[in-house]
Amino acid sequence: MRLIGMLDSPYVRRVAVSLKFMGLPFSHEPVSVFRHYDHFASINPVVKAPTLVTDDGVVLMDSTLILEYAERLAAPERRLSPTGAAEFARSQRIVGLVLVACEKSVQIVYENMRPEEKRHQPWLDRVSRQLNTAWGLIEAETGKGWYGGSRAMAADIAVATAWTFGQHVVADTVRASDYPAVAALVARAEALPEFLGTPLD
């Protein structure tokens, strides 16, 4: 399998780390949707990161959909989604909140790329509230262990990749001191070999 995209994307990094946890072999190609647009388009015409090219040549995109496919390849003991309905619903709730946090972080980054006189502060204020609300809800779900119990699973990986990205790009909007449980969980996750071997670019 080929994973296409830069590890400075929380979505690409989420997939890369998850594939390592699942023990699925893949090659990573750090192709940028900005700097290497034409090359990316030659792999995936809609230029969406992450893109996964399966061993059969099928082009998949969107981190959640890619990971649904990967779960079907992984050995049962290496899968990252809980099997029980209640546990799966909680995991999906956390992942959903994480995806909101990622989306809002990216929106802030893009808005701040505009010339200062063209930035829309009410929009930035609204997105910042949504972003902090998402992290507040995740904080409320976070204890001293992993979300899935005895090991890091889908929700833990999603939280860690999103938090690390957010602290890299919007740390002035999301203060680590406001979310100590999340910050502690992410510190544990980032110390694991799968994360250490897949650093944020």
N, C-alpha and C. Protein backbone atom coordinates (compact mmCIF):
# COMPACT_ATOMS: atom_id res chain seq x y z
N MET A 1 0.84 -1.19 0.00
CA MET A 1 0.00 0.00 0.00
C MET A 1 0.88 1.24 0.00
N ARG A 2 0.35 2.30 -0.60
CA ARG A 2 1.06 3.57 -0.65
C ARG A 2 0.21 4.64 0.03
N LEU A 3 0.80 5.31 1.00
CA LEU A 3 0.12 6.42 1.67
C LEU A 3 0.71 7.71 1.13
N ILE A 4 -0.15 8.54 0.56
CA ILE A 4 0.28 9.78 -0.08
C ILE A 4 -0.14 10.97 0.78
N GLY A 5 0.80 11.86 1.08
CA GLY A 5 0.48 13.07 1.83
C GLY A 5 1.58 13.39 2.82
N MET A 6 1.54 14.61 3.33
CA MET A 6 2.56 15.10 4.25
C MET A 6 2.15 14.83 5.70
N LEU A 7 3.13 14.51 6.53
CA LEU A 7 2.84 14.22 7.93
C LEU A 7 2.55 15.46 8.76
N ASP A 8 2.64 16.66 8.16
CA ASP A 8 2.17 17.84 8.89
C ASP A 8 0.65 17.94 8.86
N SER A 9 0.01 17.06 8.10
CA SER A 9 -1.45 16.95 8.13
C SER A 9 -1.85 15.98 9.23
N PRO A 10 -2.75 16.37 10.14
CA PRO A 10 -3.17 15.44 11.18
C PRO A 10 -3.91 14.24 10.61
N TYR A 11 -4.53 14.42 9.45
CA TYR A 11 -5.26 13.32 8.82
C TYR A 11 -4.30 12.28 8.26
N VAL A 12 -3.25 12.73 7.59
CA VAL A 12 -2.24 11.82 7.06
C VAL A 12 -1.52 11.11 8.19
N ARG A 13 -1.14 11.87 9.21
CA ARG A 13 -0.41 11.27 10.33
C ARG A 13 -1.28 10.27 11.08
N ARG A 14 -2.56 10.58 11.22
CA ARG A 14 -3.49 9.65 11.87
C ARG A 14 -3.48 8.30 11.15
N VAL A 15 -3.52 8.33 9.82
CA VAL A 15 -3.52 7.09 9.06
C VAL A 15 -2.19 6.37 9.21
N ALA A 16 -1.07 7.09 9.07
CA ALA A 16 0.24 6.47 9.14
C ALA A 16 0.46 5.79 10.49
N VAL A 17 0.15 6.49 11.57
CA VAL A 17 0.33 5.92 12.91
C VAL A 17 -0.57 4.71 13.09
N SER A 18 -1.82 4.82 12.64
CA SER A 18 -2.77 3.72 12.79
C SER A 18 -2.32 2.48 12.03
N LEU A 19 -1.83 2.66 10.82
CA LEU A 19 -1.35 1.51 10.04
C LEU A 19 -0.21 0.81 10.76
N LYS A 20 0.66 1.59 11.41
CA LYS A 20 1.75 0.99 12.18
C LYS A 20 1.21 0.20 13.37
N PHE A 21 0.24 0.76 14.08
CA PHE A 21 -0.35 0.03 15.20
C PHE A 21 -1.01 -1.27 14.72
N MET A 22 -1.59 -1.23 13.52
CA MET A 22 -2.26 -2.41 13.00
C MET A 22 -1.30 -3.41 12.36
N GLY A 23 -0.03 -3.04 12.26
CA GLY A 23 0.94 -3.95 11.68
C GLY A 23 0.79 -4.14 10.19
N LEU A 24 0.27 -3.14 9.49
CA LEU A 24 0.05 -3.24 8.05
C LEU A 24 1.19 -2.54 7.30
N PRO A 25 1.88 -3.25 6.42
CA PRO A 25 3.00 -2.64 5.70
C PRO A 25 2.51 -1.61 4.67
N PHE A 26 3.23 -0.51 4.57
CA PHE A 26 2.89 0.53 3.60
C PHE A 26 4.13 1.37 3.33
N SER A 27 4.12 2.02 2.19
CA SER A 27 5.16 3.01 1.91
C SER A 27 4.53 4.39 2.02
N HIS A 28 5.31 5.33 2.54
CA HIS A 28 4.80 6.70 2.68
C HIS A 28 5.48 7.59 1.65
N GLU A 29 4.68 8.33 0.90
CA GLU A 29 5.19 9.26 -0.10
C GLU A 29 4.79 10.67 0.31
N PRO A 30 5.73 11.49 0.79
CA PRO A 30 5.42 12.84 1.28
C PRO A 30 5.19 13.82 0.13
N VAL A 31 4.02 13.72 -0.46
CA VAL A 31 3.65 14.57 -1.58
C VAL A 31 2.72 15.66 -1.05
N SER A 32 3.03 16.91 -1.35
CA SER A 32 2.26 18.05 -0.85
C SER A 32 1.14 18.42 -1.81
N VAL A 33 -0.03 18.73 -1.25
CA VAL A 33 -1.14 19.18 -2.09
C VAL A 33 -0.89 20.60 -2.62
N PHE A 34 0.07 21.30 -2.04
CA PHE A 34 0.41 22.65 -2.49
C PHE A 34 1.62 22.65 -3.41
N ARG A 35 2.75 22.15 -2.91
CA ARG A 35 4.00 22.23 -3.67
C ARG A 35 4.09 21.22 -4.80
N HIS A 36 3.36 20.11 -4.68
CA HIS A 36 3.47 19.04 -5.69
C HIS A 36 2.09 18.74 -6.27
N TYR A 37 1.32 19.78 -6.53
CA TYR A 37 -0.08 19.60 -6.93
C TYR A 37 -0.22 18.69 -8.14
N ASP A 38 0.56 18.94 -9.18
CA ASP A 38 0.41 18.16 -10.40
C ASP A 38 0.78 16.70 -10.17
N HIS A 39 1.83 16.47 -9.38
CA HIS A 39 2.21 15.08 -9.08
C HIS A 39 1.12 14.39 -8.27
N PHE A 40 0.57 15.11 -7.28
CA PHE A 40 -0.52 14.54 -6.48
C PHE A 40 -1.70 14.22 -7.38
N ALA A 41 -2.01 15.13 -8.30
CA ALA A 41 -3.15 14.93 -9.20
C ALA A 41 -2.95 13.71 -10.09
N SER A 42 -1.71 13.37 -10.38
CA SER A 42 -1.45 12.19 -11.21
C SER A 42 -1.76 10.90 -10.45
N ILE A 43 -1.78 10.98 -9.11
CA ILE A 43 -2.11 9.82 -8.28
C ILE A 43 -3.60 9.83 -7.95
N ASN A 44 -4.08 10.99 -7.53
CA ASN A 44 -5.49 11.16 -7.17
C ASN A 44 -5.96 12.47 -7.80
N PRO A 45 -6.76 12.42 -8.86
CA PRO A 45 -7.12 13.63 -9.60
C PRO A 45 -7.80 14.72 -8.76
N VAL A 46 -8.44 14.35 -7.64
CA VAL A 46 -9.09 15.38 -6.82
C VAL A 46 -8.15 15.95 -5.76
N VAL A 47 -6.93 15.46 -5.69
CA VAL A 47 -5.86 16.00 -4.83
C VAL A 47 -6.34 16.12 -3.38
N LYS A 48 -6.61 14.97 -2.78
CA LYS A 48 -7.12 14.91 -1.41
C LYS A 48 -6.12 14.13 -0.55
N ALA A 49 -5.65 14.76 0.52
CA ALA A 49 -4.76 14.09 1.45
C ALA A 49 -5.51 13.77 2.74
N PRO A 50 -5.33 12.56 3.27
CA PRO A 50 -4.48 11.50 2.74
C PRO A 50 -5.15 10.75 1.59
N THR A 51 -4.31 10.20 0.74
CA THR A 51 -4.73 9.25 -0.28
C THR A 51 -4.01 7.94 -0.01
N LEU A 52 -4.73 6.85 -0.11
CA LEU A 52 -4.13 5.52 0.02
C LEU A 52 -4.37 4.77 -1.28
N VAL A 53 -3.31 4.23 -1.83
CA VAL A 53 -3.41 3.37 -3.01
C VAL A 53 -3.25 1.94 -2.52
N THR A 54 -4.29 1.14 -2.68
CA THR A 54 -4.24 -0.24 -2.19
C THR A 54 -3.31 -1.08 -3.07
N ASP A 55 -3.02 -2.28 -2.59
CA ASP A 55 -2.17 -3.19 -3.36
C ASP A 55 -2.81 -3.55 -4.70
N ASP A 56 -4.12 -3.40 -4.80
CA ASP A 56 -4.83 -3.66 -6.06
C ASP A 56 -4.96 -2.42 -6.92
N GLY A 57 -4.39 -1.29 -6.45
CA GLY A 57 -4.42 -0.06 -7.24
C GLY A 57 -5.66 0.79 -7.05
N VAL A 58 -6.49 0.46 -6.07
CA VAL A 58 -7.68 1.27 -5.80
C VAL A 58 -7.24 2.51 -5.01
N VAL A 59 -7.71 3.68 -5.42
CA VAL A 59 -7.35 4.93 -4.76
C VAL A 59 -8.45 5.30 -3.76
N LEU A 60 -8.06 5.34 -2.48
CA LEU A 60 -8.98 5.70 -1.41
C LEU A 60 -8.58 7.04 -0.84
N MET A 61 -9.54 7.74 -0.26
CA MET A 61 -9.23 9.03 0.37
C MET A 61 -10.13 9.23 1.57
N ASP A 62 -9.76 10.20 2.41
CA ASP A 62 -10.42 10.53 3.68
C ASP A 62 -9.92 9.57 4.75
N SER A 63 -9.35 10.14 5.80
CA SER A 63 -8.70 9.31 6.82
C SER A 63 -9.64 8.28 7.44
N THR A 64 -10.86 8.67 7.72
CA THR A 64 -11.79 7.73 8.35
C THR A 64 -12.12 6.58 7.42
N LEU A 65 -12.35 6.87 6.15
CA LEU A 65 -12.69 5.80 5.20
C LEU A 65 -11.49 4.90 4.95
N ILE A 66 -10.30 5.47 4.89
CA ILE A 66 -9.09 4.66 4.73
C ILE A 66 -8.94 3.72 5.92
N LEU A 67 -9.17 4.21 7.11
CA LEU A 67 -9.00 3.37 8.30
C LEU A 67 -10.09 2.30 8.40
N GLU A 68 -11.27 2.57 7.89
CA GLU A 68 -12.29 1.52 7.83
C GLU A 68 -11.81 0.37 6.95
N TYR A 69 -11.17 0.69 5.83
CA TYR A 69 -10.60 -0.33 4.95
C TYR A 69 -9.48 -1.07 5.67
N ALA A 70 -8.60 -0.34 6.32
CA ALA A 70 -7.46 -0.96 6.99
C ALA A 70 -7.90 -1.93 8.08
N GLU A 71 -8.98 -1.61 8.77
CA GLU A 71 -9.48 -2.49 9.82
C GLU A 71 -9.83 -3.87 9.26
N ARG A 72 -10.21 -3.92 8.00
CA ARG A 72 -10.57 -5.19 7.37
C ARG A 72 -9.35 -5.99 6.95
N LEU A 73 -8.20 -5.36 6.94
CA LEU A 73 -6.96 -6.06 6.62
C LEU A 73 -6.21 -6.52 7.87
N ALA A 74 -6.42 -5.83 8.97
CA ALA A 74 -5.65 -6.09 10.19
C ALA A 74 -6.09 -7.38 10.87
N ALA A 75 -5.15 -8.01 11.53
CA ALA A 75 -5.49 -9.16 12.38
C ALA A 75 -6.42 -8.70 13.49
N PRO A 76 -7.36 -9.55 13.91
CA PRO A 76 -8.35 -9.11 14.92
C PRO A 76 -7.72 -8.48 16.16
N GLU A 77 -6.59 -9.03 16.62
CA GLU A 77 -5.98 -8.51 17.84
C GLU A 77 -5.26 -7.19 17.63
N ARG A 78 -5.10 -6.77 16.36
CA ARG A 78 -4.42 -5.50 16.07
C ARG A 78 -5.40 -4.41 15.65
N ARG A 79 -6.67 -4.73 15.54
CA ARG A 79 -7.64 -3.72 15.13
C ARG A 79 -7.79 -2.65 16.20
N LEU A 80 -8.17 -1.45 15.76
CA LEU A 80 -8.17 -0.30 16.66
C LEU A 80 -9.55 0.16 17.10
N SER A 81 -10.59 -0.39 16.51
CA SER A 81 -11.95 -0.02 16.90
C SER A 81 -12.49 -1.02 17.91
N PRO A 82 -13.12 -0.56 18.97
CA PRO A 82 -13.73 -1.49 19.93
C PRO A 82 -14.80 -2.33 19.26
N THR A 83 -15.01 -3.54 19.75
CA THR A 83 -16.01 -4.43 19.15
C THR A 83 -17.39 -4.26 19.77
N GLY A 84 -17.46 -3.92 21.05
CA GLY A 84 -18.76 -3.73 21.69
C GLY A 84 -19.45 -2.46 21.20
N ALA A 85 -20.77 -2.51 21.10
CA ALA A 85 -21.53 -1.37 20.56
C ALA A 85 -21.34 -0.11 21.40
N ALA A 86 -21.43 -0.23 22.72
CA ALA A 86 -21.31 0.95 23.58
C ALA A 86 -19.91 1.54 23.52
N GLU A 87 -18.90 0.66 23.54
CA GLU A 87 -17.51 1.12 23.47
C GLU A 87 -17.21 1.75 22.11
N PHE A 88 -17.79 1.16 21.07
CA PHE A 88 -17.58 1.71 19.72
C PHE A 88 -18.23 3.08 19.60
N ALA A 89 -19.43 3.24 20.16
CA ALA A 89 -20.12 4.53 20.09
C ALA A 89 -19.31 5.61 20.80
N ARG A 90 -18.73 5.29 21.96
CA ARG A 90 -17.91 6.27 22.68
C ARG A 90 -16.67 6.63 21.88
N SER A 91 -16.05 5.62 21.30
CA SER A 91 -14.87 5.89 20.47
C SER A 91 -15.22 6.78 19.29
N GLN A 92 -16.34 6.49 18.64
CA GLN A 92 -16.75 7.29 17.49
C GLN A 92 -17.11 8.71 17.90
N ARG A 93 -17.68 8.88 19.10
CA ARG A 93 -17.98 10.23 19.59
C ARG A 93 -16.69 11.03 19.73
N ILE A 94 -15.67 10.41 20.34
CA ILE A 94 -14.40 11.11 20.53
C ILE A 94 -13.75 11.43 19.18
N VAL A 95 -13.74 10.45 18.29
CA VAL A 95 -13.16 10.69 16.96
C VAL A 95 -13.91 11.80 16.24
N GLY A 96 -15.24 11.82 16.36
CA GLY A 96 -16.01 12.89 15.74
C GLY A 96 -15.64 14.25 16.27
N LEU A 97 -15.47 14.36 17.59
CA LEU A 97 -15.04 15.63 18.18
C LEU A 97 -13.64 16.02 17.71
N VAL A 98 -12.77 15.02 17.58
CA VAL A 98 -11.42 15.27 17.08
C VAL A 98 -11.47 15.83 15.66
N LEU A 99 -12.32 15.27 14.82
CA LEU A 99 -12.41 15.73 13.44
C LEU A 99 -12.93 17.17 13.38
N VAL A 100 -13.82 17.53 14.28
CA VAL A 100 -14.25 18.93 14.39
C VAL A 100 -13.06 19.80 14.76
N ALA A 101 -12.30 19.37 15.76
CA ALA A 101 -11.14 20.15 16.20
C ALA A 101 -10.14 20.34 15.05
N CYS A 102 -9.89 19.28 14.30
CA CYS A 102 -8.97 19.39 13.15
C CYS A 102 -9.51 20.38 12.13
N GLU A 103 -10.78 20.24 11.80
CA GLU A 103 -11.39 21.12 10.79
C GLU A 103 -11.31 22.58 11.22
N LYS A 104 -11.60 22.86 12.47
CA LYS A 104 -11.59 24.25 12.94
C LYS A 104 -10.16 24.79 13.03
N SER A 105 -9.22 23.95 13.39
CA SER A 105 -7.82 24.39 13.40
C SER A 105 -7.38 24.79 12.00
N VAL A 106 -7.72 23.96 11.03
CA VAL A 106 -7.35 24.25 9.64
C VAL A 106 -8.03 25.52 9.16
N GLN A 107 -9.29 25.73 9.53
CA GLN A 107 -10.00 26.95 9.13
C GLN A 107 -9.30 28.19 9.68
N ILE A 108 -8.83 28.12 10.92
CA ILE A 108 -8.12 29.25 11.50
C ILE A 108 -6.82 29.50 10.75
N VAL A 109 -6.10 28.44 10.44
CA VAL A 109 -4.84 28.58 9.69
C VAL A 109 -5.10 29.27 8.35
N TYR A 110 -6.10 28.81 7.64
CA TYR A 110 -6.38 29.39 6.32
C TYR A 110 -6.86 30.84 6.42
N GLU A 111 -7.69 31.12 7.41
CA GLU A 111 -8.17 32.50 7.56
C GLU A 111 -7.00 33.43 7.87
N ASN A 112 -6.06 32.95 8.67
CA ASN A 112 -4.91 33.79 9.03
C ASN A 112 -3.89 33.91 7.91
N MET A 113 -4.07 33.13 6.86
CA MET A 113 -3.21 33.27 5.68
C MET A 113 -3.65 34.45 4.80
N ARG A 114 -4.87 34.91 5.03
CA ARG A 114 -5.37 36.05 4.27
C ARG A 114 -4.69 37.32 4.75
N PRO A 115 -4.61 38.35 3.90
CA PRO A 115 -4.09 39.64 4.38
C PRO A 115 -4.90 40.11 5.59
N GLU A 116 -4.24 40.73 6.54
CA GLU A 116 -4.89 41.08 7.81
C GLU A 116 -6.17 41.89 7.59
N GLU A 117 -6.16 42.79 6.62
CA GLU A 117 -7.34 43.64 6.41
C GLU A 117 -8.52 42.86 5.82
N LYS A 118 -8.27 41.63 5.34
CA LYS A 118 -9.35 40.83 4.76
C LYS A 118 -9.82 39.70 5.67
N ARG A 119 -9.21 39.60 6.86
CA ARG A 119 -9.65 38.57 7.80
C ARG A 119 -10.98 38.97 8.43
N HIS A 120 -11.82 37.99 8.66
CA HIS A 120 -13.13 38.25 9.23
C HIS A 120 -13.12 37.81 10.69
N GLN A 121 -12.96 38.76 11.59
CA GLN A 121 -12.78 38.43 13.00
C GLN A 121 -13.99 37.71 13.61
N PRO A 122 -15.24 38.10 13.27
CA PRO A 122 -16.36 37.33 13.82
C PRO A 122 -16.31 35.85 13.44
N TRP A 123 -15.85 35.57 12.23
CA TRP A 123 -15.70 34.17 11.80
C TRP A 123 -14.61 33.48 12.62
N LEU A 124 -13.47 34.14 12.80
CA LEU A 124 -12.39 33.57 13.61
C LEU A 124 -12.86 33.32 15.04
N ASP A 125 -13.63 34.26 15.59
CA ASP A 125 -14.12 34.09 16.97
C ASP A 125 -15.05 32.88 17.06
N ARG A 126 -15.92 32.73 16.07
CA ARG A 126 -16.86 31.60 16.08
C ARG A 126 -16.12 30.27 15.96
N VAL A 127 -15.20 30.19 15.02
CA VAL A 127 -14.44 28.96 14.82
C VAL A 127 -13.60 28.62 16.05
N SER A 128 -13.02 29.65 16.67
CA SER A 128 -12.23 29.43 17.88
C SER A 128 -13.09 28.88 19.01
N ARG A 129 -14.32 29.37 19.14
CA ARG A 129 -15.23 28.83 20.16
C ARG A 129 -15.55 27.37 19.88
N GLN A 130 -15.83 27.06 18.61
CA GLN A 130 -16.12 25.67 18.25
C GLN A 130 -14.93 24.77 18.55
N LEU A 131 -13.74 25.25 18.23
CA LEU A 131 -12.52 24.49 18.47
C LEU A 131 -12.34 24.19 19.95
N ASN A 132 -12.47 25.21 20.79
CA ASN A 132 -12.28 25.01 22.22
C ASN A 132 -13.42 24.21 22.84
N THR A 133 -14.62 24.33 22.29
CA THR A 133 -15.72 23.49 22.77
C THR A 133 -15.43 22.03 22.50
N ALA A 134 -14.92 21.72 21.31
CA ALA A 134 -14.58 20.33 20.98
C ALA A 134 -13.54 19.79 21.95
N TRP A 135 -12.48 20.56 22.21
CA TRP A 135 -11.45 20.08 23.12
C TRP A 135 -11.97 19.98 24.55
N GLY A 136 -12.87 20.87 24.93
CA GLY A 136 -13.47 20.78 26.26
C GLY A 136 -14.27 19.51 26.44
N LEU A 137 -15.01 19.12 25.41
CA LEU A 137 -15.80 17.88 25.49
C LEU A 137 -14.88 16.65 25.50
N ILE A 138 -13.79 16.72 24.74
CA ILE A 138 -12.81 15.62 24.77
C ILE A 138 -12.15 15.54 26.14
N GLU A 139 -11.80 16.67 26.71
CA GLU A 139 -11.19 16.71 28.05
C GLU A 139 -12.10 16.02 29.06
N ALA A 140 -13.40 16.27 28.95
CA ALA A 140 -14.35 15.68 29.89
C ALA A 140 -14.43 14.16 29.76
N GLU A 141 -14.05 13.62 28.61
CA GLU A 141 -14.07 12.18 28.35
C GLU A 141 -12.74 11.51 28.71
N THR A 142 -11.75 12.29 29.09
CA THR A 142 -10.39 11.79 29.22
C THR A 142 -10.05 11.50 30.67
N GLY A 143 -9.61 10.25 30.92
CA GLY A 143 -9.17 9.87 32.26
C GLY A 143 -7.66 9.73 32.30
N LYS A 144 -7.18 8.85 33.16
CA LYS A 144 -5.73 8.67 33.31
C LYS A 144 -5.19 7.53 32.46
N GLY A 145 -6.07 6.77 31.83
CA GLY A 145 -5.64 5.67 30.96
C GLY A 145 -5.99 5.96 29.51
N TRP A 146 -5.98 4.90 28.71
CA TRP A 146 -6.38 5.03 27.31
C TRP A 146 -7.90 5.00 27.21
N TYR A 147 -8.44 5.60 26.18
CA TYR A 147 -9.89 5.57 25.99
C TYR A 147 -10.40 4.14 25.82
N GLY A 148 -9.59 3.32 25.14
CA GLY A 148 -10.03 1.96 24.84
C GLY A 148 -9.71 0.94 25.92
N GLY A 149 -9.06 1.35 26.99
CA GLY A 149 -8.74 0.42 28.06
C GLY A 149 -7.26 0.20 28.23
N SER A 150 -6.78 -0.98 27.80
CA SER A 150 -5.41 -1.38 28.12
C SER A 150 -4.38 -0.91 27.10
N ARG A 151 -4.81 -0.41 25.95
CA ARG A 151 -3.86 0.00 24.92
C ARG A 151 -4.42 1.16 24.12
N ALA A 152 -3.52 1.87 23.45
CA ALA A 152 -3.96 2.96 22.59
C ALA A 152 -4.73 2.40 21.40
N MET A 153 -5.88 3.00 21.13
CA MET A 153 -6.71 2.55 20.01
C MET A 153 -7.12 3.76 19.18
N ALA A 154 -8.16 3.60 18.38
CA ALA A 154 -8.51 4.62 17.38
C ALA A 154 -8.70 6.00 17.98
N ALA A 155 -9.45 6.09 19.08
CA ALA A 155 -9.72 7.40 19.67
C ALA A 155 -8.45 8.05 20.20
N ASP A 156 -7.59 7.25 20.81
CA ASP A 156 -6.33 7.78 21.35
C ASP A 156 -5.44 8.33 20.24
N ILE A 157 -5.35 7.59 19.15
CA ILE A 157 -4.52 8.01 18.02
C ILE A 157 -5.08 9.28 17.40
N ALA A 158 -6.39 9.34 17.25
CA ALA A 158 -7.01 10.54 16.67
C ALA A 158 -6.77 11.76 17.55
N VAL A 159 -6.97 11.60 18.86
CA VAL A 159 -6.75 12.72 19.78
C VAL A 159 -5.30 13.18 19.72
N ALA A 160 -4.38 12.24 19.77
CA ALA A 160 -2.96 12.61 19.83
C ALA A 160 -2.50 13.31 18.56
N THR A 161 -2.88 12.80 17.40
CA THR A 161 -2.43 13.43 16.16
C THR A 161 -3.06 14.81 16.00
N ALA A 162 -4.33 14.95 16.38
CA ALA A 162 -5.00 16.24 16.25
C ALA A 162 -4.43 17.26 17.24
N TRP A 163 -4.20 16.82 18.48
CA TRP A 163 -3.68 17.74 19.51
C TRP A 163 -2.28 18.23 19.14
N THR A 164 -1.41 17.33 18.73
CA THR A 164 -0.05 17.72 18.36
C THR A 164 -0.07 18.70 17.21
N PHE A 165 -0.91 18.44 16.22
CA PHE A 165 -1.06 19.38 15.10
C PHE A 165 -1.56 20.73 15.60
N GLY A 166 -2.59 20.70 16.44
CA GLY A 166 -3.16 21.95 16.93
C GLY A 166 -2.17 22.77 17.74
N GLN A 167 -1.37 22.10 18.55
CA GLN A 167 -0.38 22.82 19.34
C GLN A 167 0.73 23.39 18.46
N HIS A 168 0.88 22.84 17.28
CA HIS A 168 1.86 23.35 16.33
C HIS A 168 1.35 24.59 15.60
N VAL A 169 0.04 24.65 15.35
CA VAL A 169 -0.48 25.73 14.49
C VAL A 169 -1.41 26.71 15.19
N VAL A 170 -2.09 26.31 16.26
CA VAL A 170 -3.06 27.22 16.91
C VAL A 170 -2.91 27.19 18.44
N ALA A 171 -1.68 27.06 18.92
CA ALA A 171 -1.46 26.99 20.37
C ALA A 171 -1.91 28.25 21.08
N ASP A 172 -1.96 29.37 20.37
CA ASP A 172 -2.42 30.61 20.99
C ASP A 172 -3.94 30.62 21.15
N THR A 173 -4.63 29.74 20.43
CA THR A 173 -6.08 29.63 20.53
C THR A 173 -6.50 28.52 21.48
N VAL A 174 -5.76 27.43 21.48
CA VAL A 174 -6.03 26.29 22.36
C VAL A 174 -4.86 26.17 23.33
N ARG A 175 -5.07 26.61 24.57
CA ARG A 175 -3.99 26.60 25.56
C ARG A 175 -3.91 25.23 26.23
N ALA A 176 -2.72 24.64 26.21
CA ALA A 176 -2.54 23.31 26.78
C ALA A 176 -2.94 23.27 28.25
N SER A 177 -2.73 24.37 28.96
CA SER A 177 -3.04 24.40 30.39
C SER A 177 -4.54 24.25 30.66
N ASP A 178 -5.37 24.52 29.65
CA ASP A 178 -6.82 24.39 29.83
C ASP A 178 -7.29 22.94 29.68
N TYR A 179 -6.43 22.07 29.17
CA TYR A 179 -6.84 20.70 28.87
C TYR A 179 -5.77 19.72 29.38
N PRO A 180 -5.55 19.69 30.69
CA PRO A 180 -4.43 18.90 31.23
C PRO A 180 -4.56 17.40 31.01
N ALA A 181 -5.78 16.86 31.06
CA ALA A 181 -5.94 15.42 30.86
C ALA A 181 -5.60 15.03 29.42
N VAL A 182 -6.05 15.84 28.47
CA VAL A 182 -5.72 15.58 27.07
C VAL A 182 -4.22 15.69 26.86
N ALA A 183 -3.61 16.74 27.40
CA ALA A 183 -2.17 16.93 27.22
C ALA A 183 -1.38 15.75 27.80
N ALA A 184 -1.82 15.21 28.94
CA ALA A 184 -1.13 14.08 29.54
C ALA A 184 -1.29 12.82 28.70
N LEU A 185 -2.50 12.59 28.19
CA LEU A 185 -2.71 11.42 27.33
C LEU A 185 -1.86 11.51 26.07
N VAL A 186 -1.80 12.70 25.48
CA VAL A 186 -1.03 12.87 24.26
C VAL A 186 0.46 12.67 24.52
N ALA A 187 0.94 13.12 25.67
CA ALA A 187 2.36 12.90 26.01
C ALA A 187 2.67 11.41 26.08
N ARG A 188 1.75 10.62 26.65
CA ARG A 188 1.96 9.17 26.70
C ARG A 188 1.95 8.58 25.29
N ALA A 189 1.02 9.03 24.47
CA ALA A 189 0.92 8.50 23.11
C ALA A 189 2.15 8.85 22.29
N GLU A 190 2.58 10.10 22.37
CA GLU A 190 3.71 10.54 21.54
C GLU A 190 5.02 9.86 21.94
N ALA A 191 5.06 9.21 23.11
CA ALA A 191 6.26 8.49 23.54
C ALA A 191 6.28 7.05 23.01
N LEU A 192 5.19 6.61 22.38
CA LEU A 192 5.13 5.24 21.85
C LEU A 192 5.91 5.15 20.54
N PRO A 193 6.48 3.97 20.24
CA PRO A 193 7.31 3.83 19.03
C PRO A 193 6.58 4.21 17.74
N GLU A 194 5.29 3.89 17.66
CA GLU A 194 4.54 4.18 16.44
C GLU A 194 4.45 5.68 16.18
N PHE A 195 4.38 6.47 17.24
CA PHE A 195 4.36 7.93 17.10
C PHE A 195 5.76 8.47 16.88
N LEU A 196 6.70 7.98 17.65
CA LEU A 196 8.08 8.47 17.53
C LEU A 196 8.62 8.24 16.13
N GLY A 197 8.21 7.15 15.50
CA GLY A 197 8.67 6.85 14.16
C GLY A 197 7.88 7.54 13.07
N THR A 198 6.90 8.34 13.48
CA THR A 198 6.04 9.05 12.52
C THR A 198 5.88 10.49 12.99
N PRO A 199 6.95 11.25 13.04
CA PRO A 199 6.88 12.60 13.62
C PRO A 199 6.12 13.58 12.72
N LEU A 200 5.53 14.57 13.36
CA LEU A 200 4.94 15.68 12.62
C LEU A 200 6.05 16.40 11.84
N ASP A 201 5.88 16.51 10.53
CA ASP A 201 6.90 17.17 9.70
C ASP A 201 7.00 18.64 10.04
